[in-house]
Amino acid sequence: MSTGAGRLDLPGTPIFDGDTSRRGLRMNKLFMSLRDAANRERFLADEAAYCQEFGLTAEQQQAVLARDWQAMIDLGGSIFYVYKLAMMDGRSMQYLGGVFTGMGEDDFLAAMRAGGRRDG
């Protein structure tokens, strides 16, 4: 694996590395637990209590409860796991792409259909 200069200096691109994984471990475990229908029901019945069961930090819990998608990523969430929560809310990956780029879902989807986002 190449760890060349600039690998961690990608403006606007969150890096999910070992440190990030460790920081978000409990939150990502919560998201993965939502694969099970019974867990989804428990989560929806009392989201705060469910977060506490997994030992989320106060910041992580607030991000989950507020559906602050960017904060979840910043606090160690993997997009693949965060998406499990988004799906529960009826959100698409394109919606999250819009959130993360500041474009909105429709603009993000249009950009992808036109061959991808162009920066600069």
Protein backbone atom coordinates (compact mmCIF):
# COMPACT_ATOMS: atom_id res chain seq x y z
CA MET A 1 0.00 0.00 0.00
CA SER A 2 1.37 3.37 -0.98
CA THR A 3 1.47 6.04 1.67
CA GLY A 4 3.05 8.69 -0.52
CA ALA A 5 3.19 12.38 0.23
CA GLY A 6 -0.19 14.06 0.30
CA ARG A 7 -2.13 10.88 1.05
CA LEU A 8 -3.76 12.50 4.08
CA ASP A 9 -3.98 15.95 2.51
CA LEU A 10 -7.00 15.61 0.26
CA PRO A 11 -9.21 18.64 0.92
CA GLY A 12 -12.83 17.66 1.31
CA THR A 13 -12.04 13.94 1.34
CA PRO A 14 -12.39 12.14 4.66
CA ILE A 15 -9.76 9.46 5.15
CA PHE A 16 -10.99 6.26 6.79
CA ASP A 17 -7.85 4.75 8.25
CA GLY A 18 -7.00 2.74 11.36
CA ASP A 19 -7.31 5.73 13.68
CA THR A 20 -10.67 6.69 12.21
CA SER A 21 -11.86 3.10 12.46
CA ARG A 22 -10.95 2.91 16.14
CA ARG A 23 -12.59 6.28 16.86
CA GLY A 24 -15.85 5.20 15.22
CA LEU A 25 -15.87 1.54 16.24
CA ARG A 26 -18.86 1.69 18.60
CA MET A 27 -20.90 3.88 16.28
CA ASN A 28 -20.16 1.62 13.31
CA LYS A 29 -21.14 -1.44 15.37
CA LEU A 30 -24.46 0.26 16.12
CA PHE A 31 -25.02 0.92 12.41
CA MET A 32 -24.17 -2.68 11.51
CA SER A 33 -26.61 -3.95 14.14
CA LEU A 34 -29.39 -2.30 12.14
CA ARG A 35 -29.17 -5.12 9.60
CA ASP A 36 -31.42 -7.07 11.99
CA ALA A 37 -35.14 -6.16 11.94
CA ALA A 38 -35.51 -6.60 15.71
CA ASN A 39 -32.63 -4.18 16.30
CA ARG A 40 -34.18 -1.65 13.93
CA GLU A 41 -37.39 -1.83 15.94
CA ARG A 42 -35.48 -1.36 19.22
CA PHE A 43 -33.55 1.57 17.78
CA LEU A 44 -36.70 3.31 16.54
CA ALA A 45 -38.45 2.76 19.87
CA ASP A 46 -35.75 4.67 21.81
CA GLU A 47 -32.84 5.92 19.73
CA ALA A 48 -30.98 7.56 22.63
CA ALA A 49 -31.12 4.43 24.78
CA TYR A 50 -29.96 2.31 21.86
CA CYS A 51 -27.00 4.64 21.31
CA GLN A 52 -26.12 4.38 24.98
CA GLU A 53 -26.16 0.57 24.78
CA PHE A 54 -23.31 0.81 22.28
CA GLY A 55 -21.34 3.31 24.36
CA LEU A 56 -21.32 6.14 21.84
CA THR A 57 -19.64 9.36 22.87
CA ALA A 58 -21.94 12.31 23.51
CA GLU A 59 -20.87 13.82 20.17
CA GLN A 60 -21.55 10.59 18.29
CA GLN A 61 -24.94 10.17 19.93
CA GLN A 62 -25.90 13.74 19.07
CA ALA A 63 -24.83 13.22 15.46
CA VAL A 64 -26.92 10.04 15.19
CA LEU A 65 -29.99 11.54 16.83
CA ALA A 66 -29.79 14.72 14.71
CA ARG A 67 -29.00 12.74 11.56
CA ASP A 68 -25.94 14.94 11.11
CA TRP A 69 -24.42 12.80 8.38
CA GLN A 70 -21.22 14.83 8.03
CA ALA A 71 -20.61 14.74 11.78
CA MET A 72 -21.03 10.95 11.76
CA ILE A 73 -18.28 10.69 9.14
CA ASP A 74 -16.09 13.19 11.00
CA LEU A 75 -16.52 11.20 14.23
CA GLY A 76 -15.31 7.95 12.68
CA GLY A 77 -18.33 6.63 10.81
CA SER A 78 -17.70 4.56 7.71
CA ILE A 79 -19.91 5.67 4.82
CA PHE A 80 -20.87 2.04 4.28
CA TYR A 81 -22.15 1.77 7.86
CA VAL A 82 -23.64 5.27 8.06
CA TYR A 83 -25.65 4.37 4.97
CA LYS A 84 -27.45 1.65 6.96
CA LEU A 85 -28.99 4.38 9.12
CA ALA A 86 -29.74 6.54 6.09
CA MET A 87 -31.64 3.63 4.51
CA MET A 88 -33.82 3.40 7.62
CA ASP A 89 -34.79 7.02 7.00
CA GLY A 90 -35.58 6.29 3.36
CA ARG A 91 -32.46 8.11 2.16
CA SER A 92 -30.41 7.11 -0.86
CA MET A 93 -26.66 7.05 -1.35
CA GLN A 94 -27.21 9.90 -3.81
CA TYR A 95 -28.84 11.89 -1.00
CA LEU A 96 -25.74 11.38 1.14
CA GLY A 97 -23.53 12.30 -1.82
CA GLY A 98 -25.49 15.53 -2.11
CA VAL A 99 -25.08 16.23 1.61
CA PHE A 100 -21.34 15.61 1.54
CA THR A 101 -20.74 17.74 -1.55
CA GLY A 102 -23.16 20.52 -0.70
CA MET A 103 -24.93 19.92 -3.99
CA GLY A 104 -28.24 18.47 -2.88
CA GLU A 105 -29.53 15.09 -4.02
CA ASP A 106 -30.97 16.15 -7.39
CA ASP A 107 -27.87 18.13 -8.41
CA PHE A 108 -25.59 15.33 -7.24
CA LEU A 109 -27.55 12.75 -9.22
CA ALA A 110 -27.51 14.97 -12.31
CA ALA A 111 -23.74 15.42 -11.99
CA MET A 112 -23.21 11.67 -11.73
CA ARG A 113 -25.39 11.08 -14.80
CA ALA A 114 -23.34 13.67 -16.68
CA GLY A 115 -20.12 11.83 -16.00
CA GLY A 116 -19.24 12.86 -12.47
CA ARG A 117 -18.59 15.88 -10.40
CA ARG A 118 -16.04 18.35 -11.72
CA ASP A 119 -13.91 20.18 -9.18
CA GLY A 120 -12.12 23.23 -10.50
